[in-house]
Amino acid sequence: MEKIRPCLWYDGDAEAAVAFYVSLFPDSEVQKVTRYPEGGPGEAGAVLTVDFVMAGREYTALNGGPEFRFTEAVSLSVDGDSQEEVDDLWDRFLADGGEESVCGWLKDRWGLSWQIVPRRLVELLDDPDPERVARVFQAMLKMRRLDVAALEAA
């Protein structure tokens, strides 16, 4: 058990969100589902929390209600090993109501922000030549989905 576990707040759809997330990444699974008891703030028997592992890290999804929404102030960053992986994740996150943003950021259909980042971008930004880094950075700023070939060309 991890000492720190992110808790993601949903408005009644935590179980569906978790099922989607664990389908995307290896080393992912639902660990436990707890339900609202009689006399609680939610409907008795409805899903309260879902404890899950996503890509080897523990999370909790909470059906807390409509009071709070996700913002871009917190996002989950995914390292893509290849352009194909970046493209696949990008398309799957946008399916069924996701929303693309800029610089490799998007929101899934529940409003949670994700950064889909090719590992190659990190390598390019670590280049010792500051002019190369500046060109790569400027190219990235013009993109939505990150394109490794275009970043390398910069």
C-alpha atoms as a PDB file:
ATOM      1  CA  MET A   1       0.000   0.000   0.000  1.00  0.00           C
ATOM      2  CA  GLU A   2       1.342   3.396  -0.993  1.00  0.00           C
ATOM      3  CA  LYS A   3       1.596   6.122   1.630  1.00  0.00           C
ATOM      4  CA  ILE A   4       0.105   8.724  -0.715  1.00  0.00           C
ATOM      5  CA  ARG A   5      -2.780   7.790  -2.993  1.00  0.00           C
ATOM      6  CA  PRO A   6      -4.462  10.340  -5.288  1.00  0.00           C
ATOM      7  CA  CYS A   7      -8.230  10.506  -4.885  1.00  0.00           C
ATOM      8  CA  LEU A   8     -10.190  11.481  -7.989  1.00  0.00           C
ATOM      9  CA  TRP A   9     -13.665  12.984  -7.455  1.00  0.00           C
ATOM     10  CA  TYR A  10     -16.511  12.026  -9.801  1.00  0.00           C
ATOM     11  CA  ASP A  11     -20.191  12.841  -9.994  1.00  0.00           C
ATOM     12  CA  GLY A  12     -21.564   9.291  -9.871  1.00  0.00           C
ATOM     13  CA  ASP A  13     -19.492   7.823 -12.695  1.00  0.00           C
ATOM     14  CA  ALA A  14     -16.347   6.659 -10.860  1.00  0.00           C
ATOM     15  CA  GLU A  15     -16.843   2.991 -11.704  1.00  0.00           C
ATOM     16  CA  ALA A  16     -17.103   3.654 -15.457  1.00  0.00           C
ATOM     17  CA  ALA A  17     -14.100   5.995 -15.395  1.00  0.00           C
ATOM     18  CA  VAL A  18     -11.979   3.413 -13.589  1.00  0.00           C
ATOM     19  CA  ALA A  19     -13.051   0.640 -15.983  1.00  0.00           C
ATOM     20  CA  PHE A  20     -11.909   2.858 -18.853  1.00  0.00           C
ATOM     21  CA  TYR A  21      -8.577   3.773 -17.240  1.00  0.00           C
ATOM     22  CA  VAL A  22      -7.615   0.208 -16.347  1.00  0.00           C
ATOM     23  CA  SER A  23      -8.389  -0.846 -19.936  1.00  0.00           C
ATOM     24  CA  LEU A  24      -5.760   1.592 -21.239  1.00  0.00           C
ATOM     25  CA  PHE A  25      -2.656   0.607 -19.321  1.00  0.00           C
ATOM     26  CA  PRO A  26      -0.887  -2.637 -18.453  1.00  0.00           C
ATOM     27  CA  ASP A  27      -0.393  -3.396 -14.746  1.00  0.00           C
ATOM     28  CA  SER A  28      -3.844  -1.956 -13.968  1.00  0.00           C
ATOM     29  CA  GLU A  29      -6.787  -3.425 -12.085  1.00  0.00           C
ATOM     30  CA  VAL A  30      -9.751  -2.647  -9.874  1.00  0.00           C
ATOM     31  CA  GLN A  31      -8.858  -3.639  -6.325  1.00  0.00           C
ATOM     32  CA  LYS A  32     -11.957  -2.848  -4.299  1.00  0.00           C
ATOM     33  CA  VAL A  33     -15.378  -1.227  -4.610  1.00  0.00           C
ATOM     34  CA  THR A  34     -17.087   0.210  -1.529  1.00  0.00           C
ATOM     35  CA  ARG A  35     -20.731   1.223  -1.452  1.00  0.00           C
ATOM     36  CA  TYR A  36     -22.727   3.839   0.401  1.00  0.00           C
ATOM     37  CA  PRO A  37     -24.324   2.419   3.554  1.00  0.00           C
ATOM     38  CA  GLU A  38     -27.876   3.012   4.708  1.00  0.00           C
ATOM     39  CA  GLY A  39     -28.228   6.493   6.163  1.00  0.00           C
ATOM     40  CA  GLY A  40     -25.209   7.880   4.294  1.00  0.00           C
ATOM     41  CA  PRO A  41     -25.194  10.943   2.053  1.00  0.00           C
ATOM     42  CA  GLY A  42     -25.472   8.775  -1.076  1.00  0.00           C
ATOM     43  CA  GLU A  43     -28.052   6.239  -2.157  1.00  0.00           C
ATOM     44  CA  ALA A  44     -27.597   3.026  -0.154  1.00  0.00           C
ATOM     45  CA  GLY A  45     -25.744   0.453  -2.268  1.00  0.00           C
ATOM     46  CA  ALA A  46     -24.461   2.974  -4.836  1.00  0.00           C
ATOM     47  CA  VAL A  47     -20.716   3.013  -5.469  1.00  0.00           C
ATOM     48  CA  LEU A  48     -18.889   5.262  -3.010  1.00  0.00           C
ATOM     49  CA  THR A  49     -15.259   4.530  -3.897  1.00  0.00           C
ATOM     50  CA  VAL A  50     -13.257   2.404  -6.274  1.00  0.00           C
ATOM     51  CA  ASP A  51      -9.694   1.572  -5.286  1.00  0.00           C
ATOM     52  CA  PHE A  52      -7.611   0.737  -8.333  1.00  0.00           C
ATOM     53  CA  VAL A  53      -4.122   0.398  -9.712  1.00  0.00           C
ATOM     54  CA  MET A  54      -3.306   2.176 -12.945  1.00  0.00           C
ATOM     55  CA  ALA A  55       0.077   1.458 -14.540  1.00  0.00           C
ATOM     56  CA  GLY A  56       1.336   0.200 -11.179  1.00  0.00           C
ATOM     57  CA  ARG A  57       0.195   3.196  -9.083  1.00  0.00           C
ATOM     58  CA  GLU A  58      -2.659   3.168  -6.589  1.00  0.00           C
ATOM     59  CA  TYR A  59      -5.617   5.553  -6.893  1.00  0.00           C
ATOM     60  CA  THR A  60      -9.040   5.973  -5.383  1.00  0.00           C
ATOM     61  CA  ALA A  61     -12.038   7.186  -7.370  1.00  0.00           C
ATOM     62  CA  LEU A  62     -14.793   8.757  -5.249  1.00  0.00           C
ATOM     63  CA  ASN A  63     -18.403   9.346  -6.264  1.00  0.00           C
ATOM     64  CA  GLY A  64     -18.655  12.568  -4.295  1.00  0.00           C
ATOM     65  CA  GLY A  65     -21.344  14.365  -6.255  1.00  0.00           C
ATOM     66  CA  PRO A  66     -21.528  17.487  -8.407  1.00  0.00           C
ATOM     67  CA  GLU A  67     -19.939  19.919  -5.936  1.00  0.00           C
ATOM     68  CA  PHE A  68     -16.384  19.715  -7.314  1.00  0.00           C
ATOM     69  CA  ARG A  69     -14.997  19.441 -10.829  1.00  0.00           C
ATOM     70  CA  PHE A  70     -11.561  18.633 -12.183  1.00  0.00           C
ATOM     71  CA  THR A  71      -9.406  21.539 -13.368  1.00  0.00           C
ATOM     72  CA  GLU A  72      -6.216  21.742 -15.386  1.00  0.00           C
ATOM     73  CA  ALA A  73      -4.387  22.624 -12.159  1.00  0.00           C
ATOM     74  CA  VAL A  74      -3.958  18.865 -11.690  1.00  0.00           C
ATOM     75  CA  SER A  75      -3.258  16.448 -14.521  1.00  0.00           C
ATOM     76  CA  LEU A  76      -1.908  12.968 -15.036  1.00  0.00           C
ATOM     77  CA  SER A  77       1.097  12.792 -17.348  1.00  0.00           C
ATOM     78  CA  VAL A  78       1.634   9.697 -19.488  1.00  0.00           C
ATOM     79  CA  ASP A  79       4.991   8.960 -21.119  1.00  0.00           C
ATOM     80  CA  GLY A  80       4.465   7.571 -24.593  1.00  0.00           C
ATOM     81  CA  ASP A  81       7.178   5.219 -25.848  1.00  0.00           C
ATOM     82  CA  SER A  82       6.352   5.912 -29.506  1.00  0.00           C
ATOM     83  CA  GLN A  83       4.241   8.106 -31.769  1.00  0.00           C
ATOM     84  CA  GLU A  84       1.902   5.128 -32.204  1.00  0.00           C
ATOM     85  CA  GLU A  85       1.307   4.909 -28.452  1.00  0.00           C
ATOM     86  CA  VAL A  86       0.771   8.675 -28.218  1.00  0.00           C
ATOM     87  CA  ASP A  87      -1.729   8.533 -31.092  1.00  0.00           C
ATOM     88  CA  ASP A  88      -3.579   5.528 -29.659  1.00  0.00           C
ATOM     89  CA  LEU A  89      -3.939   7.043 -26.187  1.00  0.00           C
ATOM     90  CA  TRP A  90      -4.895  10.435 -27.611  1.00  0.00           C
ATOM     91  CA  ASP A  91      -7.657   8.930 -29.724  1.00  0.00           C
ATOM     92  CA  ARG A  92      -8.965   6.703 -26.923  1.00  0.00           C
ATOM     93  CA  PHE A  93      -9.067   9.537 -24.388  1.00  0.00           C
ATOM     94  CA  LEU A  94     -10.921  11.804 -26.823  1.00  0.00           C
ATOM     95  CA  ALA A  95     -13.473   9.155 -27.780  1.00  0.00           C
ATOM     96  CA  ASP A  96     -16.955   9.557 -26.333  1.00  0.00           C
ATOM     97  CA  GLY A  97     -16.646  13.188 -25.314  1.00  0.00           C
ATOM     98  CA  GLY A  98     -13.017  13.956 -24.511  1.00  0.00           C
ATOM     99  CA  GLU A  99     -11.637  17.380 -25.387  1.00  0.00           C
ATOM    100  CA  GLU A 100      -8.226  18.172 -26.818  1.00  0.00           C
ATOM    101  CA  SER A 101      -6.197  21.121 -25.618  1.00  0.00           C
ATOM    102  CA  VAL A 102      -2.679  22.316 -26.480  1.00  0.00           C
ATOM    103  CA  CYS A 103       0.871  21.019 -25.986  1.00  0.00           C
ATOM    104  CA  GLY A 104      -0.166  17.393 -25.560  1.00  0.00           C
ATOM    105  CA  TRP A 105      -2.904  18.094 -23.003  1.00  0.00           C
ATOM    106  CA  LEU A 106      -6.463  16.827 -23.191  1.00  0.00           C
ATOM    107  CA  LYS A 107      -9.435  16.137 -20.959  1.00  0.00           C
ATOM    108  CA  ASP A 108     -11.181  12.789 -20.862  1.00  0.00           C
ATOM    109  CA  ARG A 109     -14.978  12.604 -20.968  1.00  0.00           C
ATOM    110  CA  TRP A 110     -15.100  13.054 -17.168  1.00  0.00           C
ATOM    111  CA  GLY A 111     -13.061  16.260 -17.321  1.00  0.00           C
ATOM    112  CA  LEU A 112      -9.804  14.853 -15.906  1.00  0.00           C
ATOM    113  CA  SER A 113      -6.754  16.435 -17.562  1.00  0.00           C
ATOM    114  CA  TRP A 114      -4.043  14.256 -19.062  1.00  0.00           C
ATOM    115  CA  GLN A 115      -0.730  15.032 -20.696  1.00  0.00           C
ATOM    116  CA  ILE A 116       0.200  12.539 -23.407  1.00  0.00           C
ATOM    117  CA  VAL A 117       3.931  13.115 -23.833  1.00  0.00           C
ATOM    118  CA  PRO A 118       6.273  11.215 -26.137  1.00  0.00           C
ATOM    119  CA  ARG A 119       9.500  10.325 -24.325  1.00  0.00           C
ATOM    120  CA  ARG A 120      11.336  11.731 -27.324  1.00  0.00           C
ATOM    121  CA  LEU A 121      10.129  15.247 -26.398  1.00  0.00           C
ATOM    122  CA  VAL A 122      11.867  14.981 -23.033  1.00  0.00           C
ATOM    123  CA  GLU A 123      15.066  13.916 -24.780  1.00  0.00           C
ATOM    124  CA  LEU A 124      14.832  16.823 -27.232  1.00  0.00           C
ATOM    125  CA  LEU A 125      14.256  19.316 -24.413  1.00  0.00           C
ATOM    126  CA  ASP A 126      17.353  17.954 -22.640  1.00  0.00           C
ATOM    127  CA  ASP A 127      19.590  18.804 -25.616  1.00  0.00           C
ATOM    128  CA  PRO A 128      22.663  20.824 -24.558  1.00  0.00           C
ATOM    129  CA  ASP A 129      22.080  23.336 -27.400  1.00  0.00           C
ATOM    130  CA  PRO A 130      19.687  26.027 -26.065  1.00  0.00           C
ATOM    131  CA  GLU A 131      18.766  27.130 -29.606  1.00  0.00           C
ATOM    132  CA  ARG A 132      17.612  23.591 -30.486  1.00  0.00           C
ATOM    133  CA  VAL A 133      15.644  23.408 -27.265  1.00  0.00           C
ATOM    134  CA  ALA A 134      13.983  26.748 -28.033  1.00  0.00           C
ATOM    135  CA  ARG A 135      12.973  25.545 -31.528  1.00  0.00           C
ATOM    136  CA  VAL A 136      11.526  22.311 -30.154  1.00  0.00           C
ATOM    137  CA  PHE A 137       9.669  24.216 -27.442  1.00  0.00           C
ATOM    138  CA  GLN A 138       8.210  26.690 -29.935  1.00  0.00           C
ATOM    139  CA  ALA A 139       7.103  23.829 -32.186  1.00  0.00           C
ATOM    140  CA  MET A 140       5.443  22.097 -29.211  1.00  0.00           C
ATOM    141  CA  LEU A 141       3.533  25.269 -28.315  1.00  0.00           C
ATOM    142  CA  LYS A 142       1.813  25.174 -31.727  1.00  0.00           C
ATOM    143  CA  MET A 143       0.651  21.573 -31.382  1.00  0.00           C
ATOM    144  CA  ARG A 144      -2.324  19.888 -29.839  1.00  0.00           C
ATOM    145  CA  ARG A 145      -1.366  16.193 -30.149  1.00  0.00           C
ATOM    146  CA  LEU A 146       2.415  16.047 -29.954  1.00  0.00           C
ATOM    147  CA  ASP A 147       4.078  14.941 -33.192  1.00  0.00           C
ATOM    148  CA  VAL A 148       7.542  13.414 -32.716  1.00  0.00           C
ATOM    149  CA  ALA A 149       8.601  13.846 -36.368  1.00  0.00           C
ATOM    150  CA  ALA A 150       7.678  17.543 -36.336  1.00  0.00           C
ATOM    151  CA  LEU A 151       9.452  18.035 -33.001  1.00  0.00           C
ATOM    152  CA  GLU A 152      12.577  16.356 -34.355  1.00  0.00           C
ATOM    153  CA  ALA A 153      12.431  18.484 -37.521  1.00  0.00           C
ATOM    154  CA  ALA A 154      12.396  21.636 -35.388  1.00  0.00           C
END
